[in-house]
PDB file of N, CA and C in Angstrom:
ATOM      1  N   MET A   1      72.117 124.299 159.482  1.00  0.00           N
ATOM      2  CA  MET A   1      72.048 123.639 160.765  1.00  0.00           C
ATOM      3  C   MET A   1      73.261 122.746 160.971  1.00  0.00           C
ATOM      4  N   HIS A   2      73.633 122.009 159.944  1.00  0.00           N
ATOM      5  CA  HIS A   2      74.767 121.095 160.091  1.00  0.00           C
ATOM      6  C   HIS A   2      76.070 121.835 160.377  1.00  0.00           C
ATOM      7  N   SER A   3      76.238 123.013 159.820  1.00  0.00           N
ATOM      8  CA  SER A   3      77.444 123.794 160.083  1.00  0.00           C
ATOM      9  C   SER A   3      77.408 124.435 161.468  1.00  0.00           C
ATOM     10  N   LEU A   4      76.281 125.039 161.799  1.00  0.00           N
ATOM     11  CA  LEU A   4      76.160 125.760 163.065  1.00  0.00           C
ATOM     12  C   LEU A   4      76.196 124.854 164.291  1.00  0.00           C
ATOM     13  N   ARG A   5      75.637 123.665 164.182  1.00  0.00           N
ATOM     14  CA  ARG A   5      75.534 122.806 165.365  1.00  0.00           C
ATOM     15  C   ARG A   5      76.888 122.451 165.962  1.00  0.00           C
ATOM     16  N   ARG A   6      77.929 122.496 165.145  1.00  0.00           N
ATOM     17  CA  ARG A   6      79.250 122.121 165.626  1.00  0.00           C
ATOM     18  C   ARG A   6      79.978 123.274 166.319  1.00  0.00           C
ATOM     19  N   THR A   7      79.453 124.484 166.176  1.00  0.00           N
ATOM     20  CA  THR A   7      80.162 125.630 166.750  1.00  0.00           C
ATOM     21  C   THR A   7      79.368 126.429 167.779  1.00  0.00           C
ATOM     22  N   VAL A   8      78.048 126.560 167.590  1.00  0.00           N
ATOM     23  CA  VAL A   8      77.294 127.455 168.462  1.00  0.00           C
ATOM     24  C   VAL A   8      77.194 126.965 169.902  1.00  0.00           C
ATOM     25  N   HIS A   9      77.403 125.671 170.137  1.00  0.00           N
ATOM     26  CA  HIS A   9      77.316 125.186 171.517  1.00  0.00           C
ATOM     27  C   HIS A   9      78.414 125.793 172.389  1.00  0.00           C
ATOM     28  N   PHE A  10      79.490 126.254 171.764  1.00  0.00           N
ATOM     29  CA  PHE A  10      80.558 126.932 172.520  1.00  0.00           C
ATOM     30  C   PHE A  10      80.057 128.263 173.092  1.00  0.00           C
ATOM     31  N   TYR A  11      78.992 128.795 172.509  1.00  0.00           N
ATOM     32  CA  TYR A  11      78.413 130.059 172.962  1.00  0.00           C
ATOM     33  C   TYR A  11      77.117 129.850 173.758  1.00  0.00           C
ATOM     34  N   GLY A  12      76.834 128.603 174.093  1.00  0.00           N
ATOM     35  CA  GLY A  12      75.655 128.291 174.889  1.00  0.00           C
ATOM     36  C   GLY A  12      74.367 128.148 174.097  1.00  0.00           C
ATOM     37  N   SER A  13      74.468 127.993 172.796  1.00  0.00           N
ATOM     38  CA  SER A  13      73.275 127.841 171.960  1.00  0.00           C
ATOM     39  C   SER A  13      73.204 126.436 171.384  1.00  0.00           C
ATOM     40  N   ARG A  14      72.012 126.075 170.950  1.00  0.00           N
ATOM     41  CA  ARG A  14      71.796 124.796 170.281  1.00  0.00           C
ATOM     42  C   ARG A  14      71.069 125.060 168.962  1.00  0.00           C
ATOM     43  N   VAL A  15      71.282 124.192 167.988  1.00  0.00           N
ATOM     44  CA  VAL A  15      70.632 124.320 166.689  1.00  0.00           C
ATOM     45  C   VAL A  15      69.999 122.977 166.338  1.00  0.00           C
ATOM     46  N   ASN A  16      68.705 123.002 166.080  1.00  0.00           N
ATOM     47  CA  ASN A  16      67.964 121.818 165.659  1.00  0.00           C
ATOM     48  C   ASN A  16      66.982 122.232 164.573  1.00  0.00           C
ATOM     49  N   VAL A  17      66.483 121.257 163.842  1.00  0.00           N
ATOM     50  CA  VAL A  17      65.521 121.519 162.783  1.00  0.00           C
ATOM     51  C   VAL A  17      64.283 120.666 163.027  1.00  0.00           C
ATOM     52  N   ILE A  18      63.122 121.288 162.893  1.00  0.00           N
ATOM     53  CA  ILE A  18      61.867 120.542 162.890  1.00  0.00           C
ATOM     54  C   ILE A  18      61.339 120.593 161.466  1.00  0.00           C
ATOM     55  N   SER A  19      61.197 119.427 160.868  1.00  0.00           N
ATOM     56  CA  SER A  19      60.696 119.325 159.501  1.00  0.00           C
ATOM     57  C   SER A  19      59.273 118.784 159.554  1.00  0.00           C
ATOM     58  N   PRO A  20      58.289 119.617 159.259  1.00  0.00           N
ATOM     59  CA  PRO A  20      56.912 119.136 159.346  1.00  0.00           C
ATOM     60  C   PRO A  20      56.475 118.405 158.087  1.00  0.00           C
ATOM     61  N   TRP A  21      55.664 117.408 158.279  1.00  0.00           N
ATOM     62  CA  TRP A  21      54.978 116.689 157.216  1.00  0.00           C
ATOM     63  C   TRP A  21      53.709 117.476 156.917  1.00  0.00           C
ATOM     64  N   TYR A  22      52.805 116.949 156.152  1.00  0.00           N
ATOM     65  CA  TYR A  22      51.529 117.609 155.902  1.00  0.00           C
ATOM     66  C   TYR A  22      50.754 117.709 157.210  1.00  0.00           C
ATOM     67  N   VAL A  23      50.451 118.919 157.625  1.00  0.00           N
ATOM     68  CA  VAL A  23      49.661 119.168 158.831  1.00  0.00           C
ATOM     69  C   VAL A  23      48.455 119.988 158.409  1.00  0.00           C
ATOM     70  N   LYS A  24      47.268 119.521 158.773  1.00  0.00           N
ATOM     71  CA  LYS A  24      46.056 120.243 158.363  1.00  0.00           C
ATOM     72  C   LYS A  24      45.897 121.492 159.214  1.00  0.00           C
ATOM     73  N   THR A  25      45.994 122.638 158.560  1.00  0.00           N
ATOM     74  CA  THR A  25      45.837 123.945 159.202  1.00  0.00           C
ATOM     75  C   THR A  25      44.964 124.803 158.299  1.00  0.00           C
ATOM     76  N   ASN A  26      44.821 126.060 158.625  1.00  0.00           N
ATOM     77  CA  ASN A  26      44.047 126.986 157.792  1.00  0.00           C
ATOM     78  C   ASN A  26      44.902 127.671 156.735  1.00  0.00           C
ATOM     79  N   ILE A  27      46.150 127.270 156.599  1.00  0.00           N
ATOM     80  CA  ILE A  27      47.044 127.908 155.634  1.00  0.00           C
ATOM     81  C   ILE A  27      46.616 127.606 154.200  1.00  0.00           C
ATOM     82  N   LEU A  28      46.240 126.353 153.942  1.00  0.00           N
ATOM     83  CA  LEU A  28      45.817 125.959 152.599  1.00  0.00           C
ATOM     84  C   LEU A  28      44.314 125.743 152.561  1.00  0.00           C
ATOM     85  N   SER A  29      43.782 125.692 151.367  1.00  0.00           N
ATOM     86  CA  SER A  29      42.344 125.497 151.194  1.00  0.00           C
ATOM     87  C   SER A  29      41.951 124.055 151.508  1.00  0.00           C
ATOM     88  N   GLU A  30      40.677 123.881 151.765  1.00  0.00           N
ATOM     89  CA  GLU A  30      40.131 122.540 151.994  1.00  0.00           C
ATOM     90  C   GLU A  30      40.349 121.672 150.753  1.00  0.00           C
ATOM     91  N   GLU A  31      40.255 122.277 149.578  1.00  0.00           N
ATOM     92  CA  GLU A  31      40.474 121.562 148.318  1.00  0.00           C
ATOM     93  C   GLU A  31      41.897 120.995 148.257  1.00  0.00           C
ATOM     94  N   ALA A  32      42.875 121.777 148.663  1.00  0.00           N
ATOM     95  CA  ALA A  32      44.269 121.310 148.649  1.00  0.00           C
ATOM     96  C   ALA A  32      44.448 120.135 149.604  1.00  0.00           C
ATOM     97  N   PHE A  33      43.869 120.241 150.785  1.00  0.00           N
ATOM     98  CA  PHE A  33      43.986 119.142 151.740  1.00  0.00           C
ATOM     99  C   PHE A  33      43.244 117.901 151.271  1.00  0.00           C
ATOM    100  N   ASN A  34      42.100 118.078 150.633  1.00  0.00           N
ATOM    101  CA  ASN A  34      41.364 116.938 150.103  1.00  0.00           C
ATOM    102  C   ASN A  34      42.177 116.221 149.034  1.00  0.00           C
ATOM    103  N   HIS A  35      42.863 116.988 148.193  1.00  0.00           N
ATOM    104  CA  HIS A  35      43.701 116.390 147.148  1.00  0.00           C
ATOM    105  C   HIS A  35      44.778 115.499 147.758  1.00  0.00           C
ATOM    106  N   VAL A  36      45.452 116.007 148.760  1.00  0.00           N
ATOM    107  CA  VAL A  36      46.517 115.240 149.416  1.00  0.00           C
ATOM    108  C   VAL A  36      45.922 114.018 150.106  1.00  0.00           C
ATOM    109  N   SER A  37      44.826 114.175 150.775  1.00  0.00           N
ATOM    110  CA  SER A  37      44.174 113.071 151.478  1.00  0.00           C
ATOM    111  C   SER A  37      43.683 112.001 150.506  1.00  0.00           C
ATOM    112  N   ASN A  38      43.153 112.415 149.366  1.00  0.00           N
ATOM    113  CA  ASN A  38      42.604 111.471 148.390  1.00  0.00           C
ATOM    114  C   ASN A  38      43.649 110.571 147.750  1.00  0.00           C
ATOM    115  N   VAL A  39      44.897 110.966 147.762  1.00  0.00           N
ATOM    116  CA  VAL A  39      45.944 110.095 147.205  1.00  0.00           C
ATOM    117  C   VAL A  39      46.548 109.191 148.282  1.00  0.00           C
ATOM    118  N   GLY A  40      45.986 109.236 149.486  1.00  0.00           N
ATOM    119  CA  GLY A  40      46.391 108.295 150.528  1.00  0.00           C
ATOM    120  C   GLY A  40      47.460 108.768 151.484  1.00  0.00           C
ATOM    121  N   VAL A  41      47.692 110.064 151.547  1.00  0.00           N
ATOM    122  CA  VAL A  41      48.710 110.589 152.454  1.00  0.00           C
ATOM    123  C   VAL A  41      48.085 110.821 153.830  1.00  0.00           C
ATOM    124  N   GLU A  42      48.733 110.314 154.859  1.00  0.00           N
ATOM    125  CA  GLU A  42      48.275 110.506 156.236  1.00  0.00           C
ATOM    126  C   GLU A  42      48.844 111.806 156.783  1.00  0.00           C
ATOM    127  N   PHE A  43      47.982 112.655 157.334  1.00  0.00           N
ATOM    128  CA  PHE A  43      48.416 113.937 157.886  1.00  0.00           C
ATOM    129  C   PHE A  43      49.060 113.756 159.254  1.00  0.00           C
ATOM    130  N   ALA A  44      49.968 114.661 159.561  1.00  0.00           N
ATOM    131  CA  ALA A  44      50.512 114.765 160.914  1.00  0.00           C
ATOM    132  C   ALA A  44      49.551 115.613 161.728  1.00  0.00           C
ATOM    133  N   LYS A  45      49.688 115.583 163.037  1.00  0.00           N
ATOM    134  CA  LYS A  45      48.806 116.350 163.918  1.00  0.00           C
ATOM    135  C   LYS A  45      49.544 117.574 164.447  1.00  0.00           C
ATOM    136  N   ALA A  46      48.855 118.689 164.507  1.00  0.00           N
ATOM    137  CA  ALA A  46      49.457 119.929 165.012  1.00  0.00           C
ATOM    138  C   ALA A  46      49.959 119.739 166.441  1.00  0.00           C
ATOM    139  N   GLU A  47      49.233 118.962 167.242  1.00  0.00           N
ATOM    140  CA  GLU A  47      49.660 118.717 168.626  1.00  0.00           C
ATOM    141  C   GLU A  47      51.014 118.013 168.677  1.00  0.00           C
ATOM    142  N   ASP A  48      51.258 117.142 167.703  1.00  0.00           N
ATOM    143  CA  ASP A  48      52.537 116.431 167.668  1.00  0.00           C
ATOM    144  C   ASP A  48      53.685 117.383 167.357  1.00  0.00           C
ATOM    145  N   ALA A  49      53.420 118.380 166.520  1.00  0.00           N
ATOM    146  CA  ALA A  49      54.438 119.403 166.247  1.00  0.00           C
ATOM    147  C   ALA A  49      54.775 120.148 167.530  1.00  0.00           C
ATOM    148  N   GLY A  50      53.754 120.469 168.312  1.00  0.00           N
ATOM    149  CA  GLY A  50      53.980 121.139 169.595  1.00  0.00           C
ATOM    150  C   GLY A  50      54.776 120.274 170.556  1.00  0.00           C
ATOM    151  N   GLN A  51      54.448 118.980 170.618  1.00  0.00           N
ATOM    152  CA  GLN A  51      55.186 118.064 171.494  1.00  0.00           C
ATOM    153  C   GLN A  51      56.642 117.923 171.044  1.00  0.00           C
ATOM    154  N   CYS A  52      56.862 117.930 169.735  1.00  0.00           N
ATOM    155  CA  CYS A  52      58.219 117.857 169.196  1.00  0.00           C
ATOM    156  C   CYS A  52      59.026 119.077 169.638  1.00  0.00           C
ATOM    157  N   LEU A  53      58.421 120.242 169.529  1.00  0.00           N
ATOM    158  CA  LEU A  53      59.088 121.473 169.959  1.00  0.00           C
ATOM    159  C   LEU A  53      59.402 121.421 171.451  1.00  0.00           C
ATOM    160  N   LEU A  54      58.439 120.980 172.249  1.00  0.00           N
ATOM    161  CA  LEU A  54      58.676 120.878 173.693  1.00  0.00           C
ATOM    162  C   LEU A  54      59.798 119.891 174.017  1.00  0.00           C
ATOM    163  N   ARG A  55      59.904 118.843 173.231  1.00  0.00           N
ATOM    164  CA  ARG A  55      60.993 117.865 173.432  1.00  0.00           C
ATOM    165  C   ARG A  55      62.351 118.531 173.237  1.00  0.00           C
ATOM    166  N   ILE A  56      62.473 119.318 172.185  1.00  0.00           N
ATOM    167  CA  ILE A  56      63.737 120.021 171.926  1.00  0.00           C
ATOM    168  C   ILE A  56      64.020 121.051 173.013  1.00  0.00           C
ATOM    169  N   LEU A  57      63.005 121.813 173.368  1.00  0.00           N
ATOM    170  CA  LEU A  57      63.196 122.859 174.368  1.00  0.00           C
ATOM    171  C   LEU A  57      63.476 122.287 175.752  1.00  0.00           C
ATOM    172  N   GLY A  58      62.906 121.127 176.051  1.00  0.00           N
ATOM    173  CA  GLY A  58      63.030 120.552 177.386  1.00  0.00           C
ATOM    174  C   GLY A  58      64.271 119.723 177.620  1.00  0.00           C
ATOM    175  N   ASP A  59      64.992 119.370 176.577  1.00  0.00           N
ATOM    176  CA  ASP A  59      66.181 118.529 176.733  1.00  0.00           C
ATOM    177  C   ASP A  59      67.395 119.278 176.184  1.00  0.00           C
ATOM    178  N   VAL A  60      68.198 119.833 177.072  1.00  0.00           N
ATOM    179  CA  VAL A  60      69.351 120.647 176.654  1.00  0.00           C
ATOM    180  C   VAL A  60      70.435 119.825 175.964  1.00  0.00           C
ATOM    181  N   ASN A  61      70.313 118.506 175.987  1.00  0.00           N
ATOM    182  CA  ASN A  61      71.299 117.653 175.313  1.00  0.00           C
ATOM    183  C   ASN A  61      70.998 117.445 173.837  1.00  0.00           C
ATOM    184  N   ILE A  62      69.832 117.888 173.395  1.00  0.00           N
ATOM    185  CA  ILE A  62      69.496 117.750 171.976  1.00  0.00           C
ATOM    186  C   ILE A  62      70.109 118.920 171.220  1.00  0.00           C
ATOM    187  N   ASN A  63      71.070 118.622 170.383  1.00  0.00           N
ATOM    188  CA  ASN A  63      71.744 119.633 169.564  1.00  0.00           C
ATOM    189  C   ASN A  63      72.117 119.012 168.227  1.00  0.00           C
ATOM    190  N   GLY A  64      71.782 119.698 167.151  1.00  0.00           N
ATOM    191  CA  GLY A  64      72.164 119.233 165.827  1.00  0.00           C
ATOM    192  C   GLY A  64      71.291 118.121 165.291  1.00  0.00           C
ATOM    193  N   HIS A  65      70.047 118.046 165.755  1.00  0.00           N
ATOM    194  CA  HIS A  65      69.158 116.986 165.301  1.00  0.00           C
ATOM    195  C   HIS A  65      68.128 117.511 164.307  1.00  0.00           C
ATOM    196  N   SER A  66      67.706 116.620 163.416  1.00  0.00           N
ATOM    197  CA  SER A  66      66.617 116.898 162.486  1.00  0.00           C
ATOM    198  C   SER A  66      65.433 116.055 162.922  1.00  0.00           C
ATOM    199  N   LEU A  67      64.426 116.705 163.478  1.00  0.00           N
ATOM    200  CA  LEU A  67      63.241 115.995 163.942  1.00  0.00           C
ATOM    201  C   LEU A  67      62.128 116.166 162.922  1.00  0.00           C
ATOM    202  N   PHE A  68      61.470 115.083 162.612  1.00  0.00           N
ATOM    203  CA  PHE A  68      60.446 115.035 161.571  1.00  0.00           C
ATOM    204  C   PHE A  68      59.083 114.836 162.212  1.00  0.00           C
ATOM    205  N   VAL A  69      58.199 115.821 162.070  1.00  0.00           N
ATOM    206  CA  VAL A  69      56.823 115.692 162.526  1.00  0.00           C
ATOM    207  C   VAL A  69      56.086 114.934 161.427  1.00  0.00           C
ATOM    208  N   SER A  70      55.616 113.742 161.754  1.00  0.00           N
ATOM    209  CA  SER A  70      55.127 112.833 160.727  1.00  0.00           C
ATOM    210  C   SER A  70      53.731 112.314 161.033  1.00  0.00           C
ATOM    211  N   GLY A  71      53.201 111.575 160.073  1.00  0.00           N
ATOM    212  CA  GLY A  71      51.989 110.820 160.333  1.00  0.00           C
ATOM    213  C   GLY A  71      52.314 109.735 161.346  1.00  0.00           C
ATOM    214  N   ARG A  72      51.314 109.291 162.068  1.00  0.00           N
ATOM    215  CA  ARG A  72      51.521 108.286 163.114  1.00  0.00           C
ATOM    216  C   ARG A  72      51.950 106.931 162.556  1.00  0.00           C
ATOM    217  N   LYS A  73      51.816 106.719 161.248  1.00  0.00           N
ATOM    218  CA  LYS A  73      52.236 105.437 160.688  1.00  0.00           C
ATOM    219  C   LYS A  73      53.759 105.265 160.761  1.00  0.00           C
ATOM    220  N   TRP A  74      54.493 106.367 160.886  1.00  0.00           N
ATOM    221  CA  TRP A  74      55.949 106.285 160.967  1.00  0.00           C
ATOM    222  C   TRP A  74      56.479 106.458 162.382  1.00  0.00           C
ATOM    223  N   ALA A  75      55.702 107.088 163.239  1.00  0.00           N
ATOM    224  CA  ALA A  75      56.155 107.339 164.609  1.00  0.00           C
ATOM    225  C   ALA A  75      54.948 107.348 165.534  1.00  0.00           C
ATOM    226  N   HIS A  76      54.954 106.508 166.540  1.00  0.00           N
ATOM    227  CA  HIS A  76      53.775 106.398 167.404  1.00  0.00           C
ATOM    228  C   HIS A  76      53.456 107.691 168.149  1.00  0.00           C
ATOM    229  N   ASN A  77      54.466 108.540 168.381  1.00  0.00           N
ATOM    230  CA  ASN A  77      54.209 109.810 169.073  1.00  0.00           C
ATOM    231  C   ASN A  77      54.105 110.989 168.107  1.00  0.00           C
ATOM    232  N   GLY A  78      54.171 110.727 166.793  1.00  0.00           N
ATOM    233  CA  GLY A  78      53.964 111.775 165.804  1.00  0.00           C
ATOM    234  C   GLY A  78      55.213 112.516 165.349  1.00  0.00           C
ATOM    235  N   TYR A  79      56.363 112.156 165.888  1.00  0.00           N
ATOM    236  CA  TYR A  79      57.618 112.746 165.403  1.00  0.00           C
ATOM    237  C   TYR A  79      58.762 111.775 165.676  1.00  0.00           C
ATOM    238  N   LEU A  80      59.822 111.943 164.901  1.00  0.00           N
ATOM    239  CA  LEU A  80      60.990 111.096 165.085  1.00  0.00           C
ATOM    240  C   LEU A  80      62.250 111.841 164.694  1.00  0.00           C
ATOM    241  N   ASP A  81      63.356 111.386 165.248  1.00  0.00           N
ATOM    242  CA  ASP A  81      64.665 111.946 164.910  1.00  0.00           C
ATOM    243  C   ASP A  81      65.116 111.262 163.627  1.00  0.00           C
ATOM    244  N   LEU A  82      65.293 112.023 162.568  1.00  0.00           N
ATOM    245  CA  LEU A  82      65.694 111.431 161.292  1.00  0.00           C
ATOM    246  C   LEU A  82      67.106 110.874 161.321  1.00  0.00           C
ATOM    247  N   ASP A  83      67.947 111.408 162.184  1.00  0.00           N
ATOM    248  CA  ASP A  83      69.300 110.874 162.341  1.00  0.00           C
ATOM    249  C   ASP A  83      69.922 110.607 160.972  1.00  0.00           C
ATOM    250  N   LEU A  84      69.842 111.612 160.110  1.00  0.00           N
ATOM    251  CA  LEU A  84      70.198 111.443 158.706  1.00  0.00           C
ATOM    252  C   LEU A  84      71.626 110.991 158.463  1.00  0.00           C
ATOM    253  N   GLU A  85      72.531 111.363 159.308  1.00  0.00           N
ATOM    254  CA  GLU A  85      73.920 111.001 159.061  1.00  0.00           C
ATOM    255  C   GLU A  85      74.185 109.514 159.265  1.00  0.00           C
ATOM    256  N   ASP A  86      73.362 108.863 160.093  1.00  0.00           N
ATOM    257  CA  ASP A  86      73.617 107.465 160.413  1.00  0.00           C
ATOM    258  C   ASP A  86      73.051 106.471 159.412  1.00  0.00           C
ATOM    259  N   TYR A  87      71.998 106.851 158.693  1.00  0.00           N
ATOM    260  CA  TYR A  87      71.458 105.926 157.701  1.00  0.00           C
ATOM    261  C   TYR A  87      70.872 106.662 156.502  1.00  0.00           C
ATOM    262  N   PRO A  88      71.749 107.210 155.669  1.00  0.00           N
ATOM    263  CA  PRO A  88      71.268 107.992 154.535  1.00  0.00           C
ATOM    264  C   PRO A  88      70.479 107.179 153.501  1.00  0.00           C
ATOM    265  N   GLN A  89      70.643 105.864 153.450  1.00  0.00           N
ATOM    266  CA  GLN A  89      69.911 105.037 152.494  1.00  0.00           C
ATOM    267  C   GLN A  89      68.806 104.246 153.184  1.00  0.00           C
ATOM    268  N   SER A  90      68.242 104.809 154.210  1.00  0.00           N
ATOM    269  CA  SER A  90      67.231 104.147 155.025  1.00  0.00           C
ATOM    270  C   SER A  90      65.957 103.828 154.252  1.00  0.00           C
ATOM    271  N   PRO A  91      65.395 102.633 154.438  1.00  0.00           N
ATOM    272  CA  PRO A  91      64.089 102.330 153.840  1.00  0.00           C
ATOM    273  C   PRO A  91      62.996 103.276 154.354  1.00  0.00           C
ATOM    274  N   LEU A  92      63.102 103.709 155.609  1.00  0.00           N
ATOM    275  CA  LEU A  92      62.119 104.644 156.162  1.00  0.00           C
ATOM    276  C   LEU A  92      62.167 105.974 155.413  1.00  0.00           C
ATOM    277  N   ILE A  93      63.362 106.499 155.196  1.00  0.00           N
ATOM    278  CA  ILE A  93      63.499 107.767 154.458  1.00  0.00           C
ATOM    279  C   ILE A  93      62.955 107.595 153.047  1.00  0.00           C
ATOM    280  N   GLN A  94      63.227 106.465 152.418  1.00  0.00           N
ATOM    281  CA  GLN A  94      62.719 106.189 151.070  1.00  0.00           C
ATOM    282  C   GLN A  94      61.192 106.199 151.059  1.00  0.00           C
ATOM    283  N   GLU A  95      60.563 105.557 152.046  1.00  0.00           N
ATOM    284  CA  GLU A  95      59.104 105.512 152.121  1.00  0.00           C
ATOM    285  C   GLU A  95      58.522 106.907 152.325  1.00  0.00           C
ATOM    286  N   ILE A  96      59.142 107.688 153.183  1.00  0.00           N
ATOM    287  CA  ILE A  96      58.684 109.058 153.430  1.00  0.00           C
ATOM    288  C   ILE A  96      58.758 109.873 152.142  1.00  0.00           C
ATOM    289  N   GLN A  97      59.866 109.739 151.420  1.00  0.00           N
ATOM    290  CA  GLN A  97      60.026 110.494 150.173  1.00  0.00           C
ATOM    291  C   GLN A  97      59.001 110.068 149.131  1.00  0.00           C
ATOM    292  N   GLU A  98      58.688 108.779 149.072  1.00  0.00           N
ATOM    293  CA  GLU A  98      57.692 108.309 148.112  1.00  0.00           C
ATOM    294  C   GLU A  98      56.316 108.874 148.431  1.00  0.00           C
ATOM    295  N   ASP A  99      55.923 108.892 149.705  1.00  0.00           N
ATOM    296  CA  ASP A  99      54.638 109.471 150.085  1.00  0.00           C
ATOM    297  C   ASP A  99      54.610 110.973 149.807  1.00  0.00           C
ATOM    298  N   GLN A 100      55.748 111.613 149.955  1.00  0.00           N
ATOM    299  CA  GLN A 100      55.829 113.055 149.712  1.00  0.00           C
ATOM    300  C   GLN A 100      55.500 113.376 148.259  1.00  0.00           C
ATOM    301  N   MET A 101      55.835 112.475 147.362  1.00  0.00           N
ATOM    302  CA  MET A 101      55.635 112.723 145.941  1.00  0.00           C
ATOM    303  C   MET A 101      54.252 112.320 145.441  1.00  0.00           C
ATOM    304  N   LYS A 102      53.468 111.618 146.239  1.00  0.00           N
ATOM    305  CA  LYS A 102      52.165 111.125 145.776  1.00  0.00           C
ATOM    306  C   LYS A 102      51.237 112.227 145.284  1.00  0.00           C
ATOM    307  N   SER A 103      51.173 113.326 146.002  1.00  0.00           N
ATOM    308  CA  SER A 103      50.215 114.365 145.628  1.00  0.00           C
ATOM    309  C   SER A 103      50.725 115.305 144.547  1.00  0.00           C
ATOM    310  N   ALA A 104      51.998 115.246 144.238  1.00  0.00           N
ATOM    311  CA  ALA A 104      52.567 116.112 143.197  1.00  0.00           C
ATOM    312  C   ALA A 104      53.655 115.340 142.452  1.00  0.00           C
ATOM    313  N   PRO A 105      53.259 114.390 141.608  1.00  0.00           N
ATOM    314  CA  PRO A 105      54.262 113.603 140.880  1.00  0.00           C
ATOM    315  C   PRO A 105      55.165 114.478 140.023  1.00  0.00           C
ATOM    316  N   VAL A 106      56.411 114.112 139.945  1.00  0.00           N
ATOM    317  CA  VAL A 106      57.388 114.861 139.171  1.00  0.00           C
ATOM    318  C   VAL A 106      56.937 114.991 137.714  1.00  0.00           C
ATOM    319  N   SER A 107      56.310 113.962 137.194  1.00  0.00           N
ATOM    320  CA  SER A 107      55.869 113.988 135.782  1.00  0.00           C
ATOM    321  C   SER A 107      54.867 115.106 135.510  1.00  0.00           C
ATOM    322  N   LEU A 108      54.176 115.597 136.536  1.00  0.00           N
ATOM    323  CA  LEU A 108      53.200 116.674 136.343  1.00  0.00           C
ATOM    324  C   LEU A 108      53.774 118.051 136.624  1.00  0.00           C
ATOM    325  N   GLY A 109      55.012 118.118 137.036  1.00  0.00           N
ATOM    326  CA  GLY A 109      55.623 119.395 137.360  1.00  0.00           C
ATOM    327  C   GLY A 109      55.251 119.848 138.765  1.00  0.00           C
ATOM    328  N   LEU A 110      55.750 120.998 139.169  1.00  0.00           N
ATOM    329  CA  LEU A 110      55.537 121.485 140.529  1.00  0.00           C
ATOM    330  C   LEU A 110      54.124 121.986 140.773  1.00  0.00           C
ATOM    331  N   PHE A 111      53.461 122.424 139.752  1.00  0.00           N
ATOM    332  CA  PHE A 111      52.156 123.059 139.937  1.00  0.00           C
ATOM    333  C   PHE A 111      51.038 122.254 139.299  1.00  0.00           C
ATOM    334  N   ALA A 112      50.988 120.979 139.602  1.00  0.00           N
ATOM    335  CA  ALA A 112      49.960 120.093 139.029  1.00  0.00           C
ATOM    336  C   ALA A 112      48.587 120.442 139.552  1.00  0.00           C
TER     337      ALA A 112
END
């Protein structure tokens, strides 16, 4: 995305990324979702993912952005622009990464 966003606009295209957080769907088992929920992780809402997509599709000026569909504790509307290039050492990014690791600590390996 970072490479393409600088060139494809010359051809009338835009490139953006939607990075979803944990969203409760039928893809995983109820047991898997319970595990994530029991360690205190707040789920994102599927509707917020849809609103995020509509935001990108509806605003032709959005190009080269990384939008994060998140729990409402980080964004009141359920998604936010990570704007990664402007604050790579952000406390918000650090908090998101810490919550991401709660349900699968590195010490237990990938398949805990």
